[in-house]
Amino acid sequence: MSTSLEKRFYAWVGTPRGIFQLVLLTLGVAVGLAIFMATQRAFFAEHVLEKYPEPSAATAQWAQNLNKDPVPPENDPRWRLLYQLWMLRSAEYPQIPTYMTRHAPKTTHTRLAHTLVAGNRAQRAQAVAFVEASPDPRWVPLLLQAAQRAERWRDPVGAQAFRAAAEKMAKKD
């Protein structure tokens, strides 16, 4: 039975009309999925956000001794934990942004980009504070992208904050 179904399918796809119908079907599914995702922004904003677990004692200990301990390689998962620690307790660890920018720039860029996209308003503000605490010209394009995204999301306050931070950083350069 499956062989006759396969033959019919291949015969259908082998015609220009079959290819056209298959392309239209694919386009219809893609458009439908895009519309569904666009209308469900509130769901994604609520459930697909950056979440920061409570940091371990080892991470806090490492943060206390940043300049004393050897620097781990950039792909070490402890960098993510250090970033999470700063996002939760920035006042206790003001040295983390500068240290991460100096020793793990790619990881830091990735973490900041994720927060600026998937973070809530408070987390995005905290990411801007991270950037301001470790001024580096690499963060300017990231902040400008975040400002454009905020404008598309109809968040003028966020867009203004991102642009102000980018301008402040560009002036230091």
Protein backbone atom coordinates (compact mmCIF):
# COMPACT_ATOMS: atom_id res chain seq x y z
CA MET A 1 0.00 0.00 0.00
CA SER A 2 2.79 2.42 0.87
CA THR A 3 4.48 1.82 -2.48
CA SER A 4 1.41 2.94 -4.41
CA LEU A 5 1.15 6.00 -2.16
CA GLU A 6 4.83 6.72 -2.73
CA LYS A 7 4.40 6.38 -6.48
CA ARG A 8 1.47 8.77 -6.47
CA PHE A 9 3.39 11.25 -4.33
CA TYR A 10 6.46 11.18 -6.58
CA ALA A 11 4.25 11.43 -9.67
CA TRP A 12 2.53 14.47 -8.13
CA VAL A 13 5.80 16.15 -7.08
CA GLY A 14 7.29 15.37 -10.48
CA THR A 15 4.89 17.77 -12.19
CA PRO A 16 5.17 21.56 -12.25
CA ARG A 17 1.73 21.80 -10.69
CA GLY A 18 2.75 19.46 -7.85
CA ILE A 19 5.89 21.47 -7.12
CA PHE A 20 3.89 24.71 -7.18
CA GLN A 21 1.31 23.26 -4.77
CA LEU A 22 4.04 21.97 -2.46
CA VAL A 23 5.73 25.40 -2.43
CA LEU A 24 2.39 27.08 -1.70
CA LEU A 25 1.67 24.62 1.10
CA THR A 26 5.10 25.26 2.65
CA LEU A 27 4.65 29.02 2.34
CA GLY A 28 1.20 28.81 3.93
CA VAL A 29 2.52 26.82 6.88
CA ALA A 30 5.44 29.24 7.34
CA VAL A 31 3.17 32.30 7.24
CA GLY A 32 0.74 30.67 9.64
CA LEU A 33 3.53 29.83 12.06
CA ALA A 34 4.94 33.37 11.84
CA ILE A 35 1.53 34.88 12.55
CA PHE A 36 1.04 32.53 15.50
CA MET A 37 4.42 33.43 16.98
CA ALA A 38 3.91 37.17 16.44
CA THR A 39 0.54 37.12 18.18
CA GLN A 40 1.90 35.14 21.13
CA ARG A 41 4.58 37.66 22.13
CA ALA A 42 3.13 38.01 25.62
CA PHE A 43 3.54 34.27 26.19
CA PHE A 44 7.16 34.28 25.01
CA ALA A 45 7.95 37.41 27.00
CA GLU A 46 6.60 35.79 30.15
CA HIS A 47 7.92 32.23 29.78
CA VAL A 48 11.06 32.44 27.68
CA LEU A 49 13.03 34.92 29.74
CA GLU A 50 16.50 34.75 31.14
CA LYS A 51 16.37 33.06 34.51
CA TYR A 52 19.22 33.31 36.99
CA PRO A 53 19.47 30.59 39.65
CA GLU A 54 20.87 31.40 43.04
CA PRO A 55 24.68 31.31 42.74
CA SER A 56 26.71 28.68 44.51
CA ALA A 57 29.14 29.40 47.30
CA ALA A 58 32.00 28.39 45.02
CA THR A 59 31.01 31.04 42.47
CA ALA A 60 30.78 33.69 45.17
CA GLN A 61 34.18 32.61 46.50
CA TRP A 62 35.67 32.86 43.01
CA ALA A 63 34.18 36.34 42.60
CA GLN A 64 35.80 37.42 45.87
CA ASN A 65 39.23 36.24 44.65
CA LEU A 66 39.06 37.16 40.97
CA ASN A 67 42.50 38.68 40.71
CA LYS A 68 44.15 36.01 42.86
CA ASP A 69 42.89 32.86 41.11
CA PRO A 70 44.15 31.75 37.70
CA VAL A 71 42.00 32.87 34.77
CA PRO A 72 39.96 29.97 33.35
CA PRO A 73 39.67 29.42 29.59
CA GLU A 74 36.99 31.40 27.79
CA ASN A 75 34.79 28.35 27.19
CA ASP A 76 34.65 27.47 30.89
CA PRO A 77 31.02 27.32 32.16
CA ARG A 78 32.02 29.25 35.27
CA TRP A 79 31.94 32.48 33.24
CA ARG A 80 28.18 32.10 32.84
CA LEU A 81 27.84 31.55 36.58
CA LEU A 82 29.93 34.64 37.26
CA TYR A 83 27.68 36.70 34.97
CA GLN A 84 24.60 35.33 36.73
CA LEU A 85 26.10 36.22 40.10
CA TRP A 86 26.62 39.79 38.93
CA MET A 87 23.09 40.01 37.57
CA LEU A 88 21.74 39.00 40.99
CA ARG A 89 24.19 40.79 43.29
CA SER A 90 25.95 43.51 41.34
CA ALA A 91 26.46 45.78 44.34
CA GLU A 92 28.52 43.12 46.12
CA TYR A 93 30.76 42.39 43.14
CA PRO A 94 31.52 45.59 41.18
CA GLN A 95 34.74 44.10 39.78
CA ILE A 96 33.00 41.37 37.72
CA PRO A 97 32.14 43.41 34.58
CA THR A 98 35.68 44.67 34.06
CA TYR A 99 37.17 41.26 34.78
CA MET A 100 34.81 39.46 32.39
CA THR A 101 35.31 42.03 29.65
CA ARG A 102 39.07 41.69 29.92
CA HIS A 103 39.35 37.90 30.22
CA ALA A 104 36.25 36.48 28.45
CA PRO A 105 35.03 39.02 25.89
CA LYS A 106 33.23 36.53 23.63
CA THR A 107 31.37 34.89 26.49
CA THR A 108 30.52 38.29 27.94
CA HIS A 109 29.21 39.47 24.57
CA THR A 110 27.05 36.36 24.26
CA ARG A 111 25.65 36.72 27.78
CA LEU A 112 24.88 40.41 27.28
CA ALA A 113 23.23 39.75 23.92
CA HIS A 114 21.04 37.04 25.46
CA THR A 115 20.01 39.31 28.30
CA LEU A 116 19.26 42.23 26.01
CA VAL A 117 17.01 39.98 23.90
CA ALA A 118 15.46 37.60 26.42
CA GLY A 119 15.66 39.55 29.64
CA ASN A 120 12.82 41.41 31.26
CA ARG A 121 13.01 45.18 31.69
CA ALA A 122 14.95 44.99 34.96
CA GLN A 123 17.42 42.46 33.55
CA ARG A 124 18.00 44.60 30.45
CA ALA A 125 18.65 47.60 32.72
CA GLN A 126 21.10 45.47 34.68
CA ALA A 127 22.84 44.51 31.42
CA VAL A 128 23.21 48.22 30.60
CA ALA A 129 24.71 48.74 34.06
CA PHE A 130 27.13 45.88 33.33
CA VAL A 131 28.17 47.59 30.09
CA GLU A 132 28.58 50.94 31.82
CA ALA A 133 30.69 49.32 34.54
CA SER A 134 33.07 47.88 31.94
CA PRO A 135 33.29 50.50 29.20
CA ASP A 136 34.50 48.93 26.00
CA PRO A 137 33.83 50.03 22.42
CA ARG A 138 32.73 46.47 21.55
CA TRP A 139 29.48 47.04 23.44
CA VAL A 140 28.33 50.03 21.35
CA PRO A 141 26.94 47.98 18.40
CA LEU A 142 25.26 45.62 20.87
CA LEU A 143 23.54 48.53 22.61
CA LEU A 144 22.46 50.08 19.31
CA GLN A 145 20.93 46.75 18.23
CA ALA A 146 19.12 46.59 21.56
CA ALA A 147 17.82 50.13 21.01
CA GLN A 148 16.47 49.21 17.58
CA ARG A 149 14.84 46.10 19.03
CA ALA A 150 13.26 48.15 21.82
CA GLU A 151 11.85 50.58 19.25
CA ARG A 152 10.34 47.68 17.30
CA TRP A 153 8.83 46.38 20.55
CA ARG A 154 7.38 49.86 21.21
CA ASP A 155 9.55 50.41 24.28
CA PRO A 156 10.75 54.02 23.97
CA VAL A 157 12.13 54.10 27.52
CA GLY A 158 14.36 51.08 26.87
CA ALA A 159 15.43 52.40 23.47
CA GLN A 160 16.39 55.73 25.01
CA ALA A 161 18.39 54.04 27.78
CA PHE A 162 20.27 51.84 25.29
CA ARG A 163 21.05 54.77 22.99
CA ALA A 164 22.21 56.93 25.92
CA ALA A 165 24.54 54.18 27.13
CA ALA A 166 25.90 53.68 23.59
CA GLU A 167 26.54 57.41 23.18
CA LYS A 168 28.20 57.60 26.58
CA MET A 169 30.44 54.69 25.66
CA ALA A 170 31.26 56.14 22.22
CA LYS A 171 32.33 59.44 23.85
CA LYS A 172 34.77 57.59 26.13
CA ASP A 173 36.41 56.07 23.05
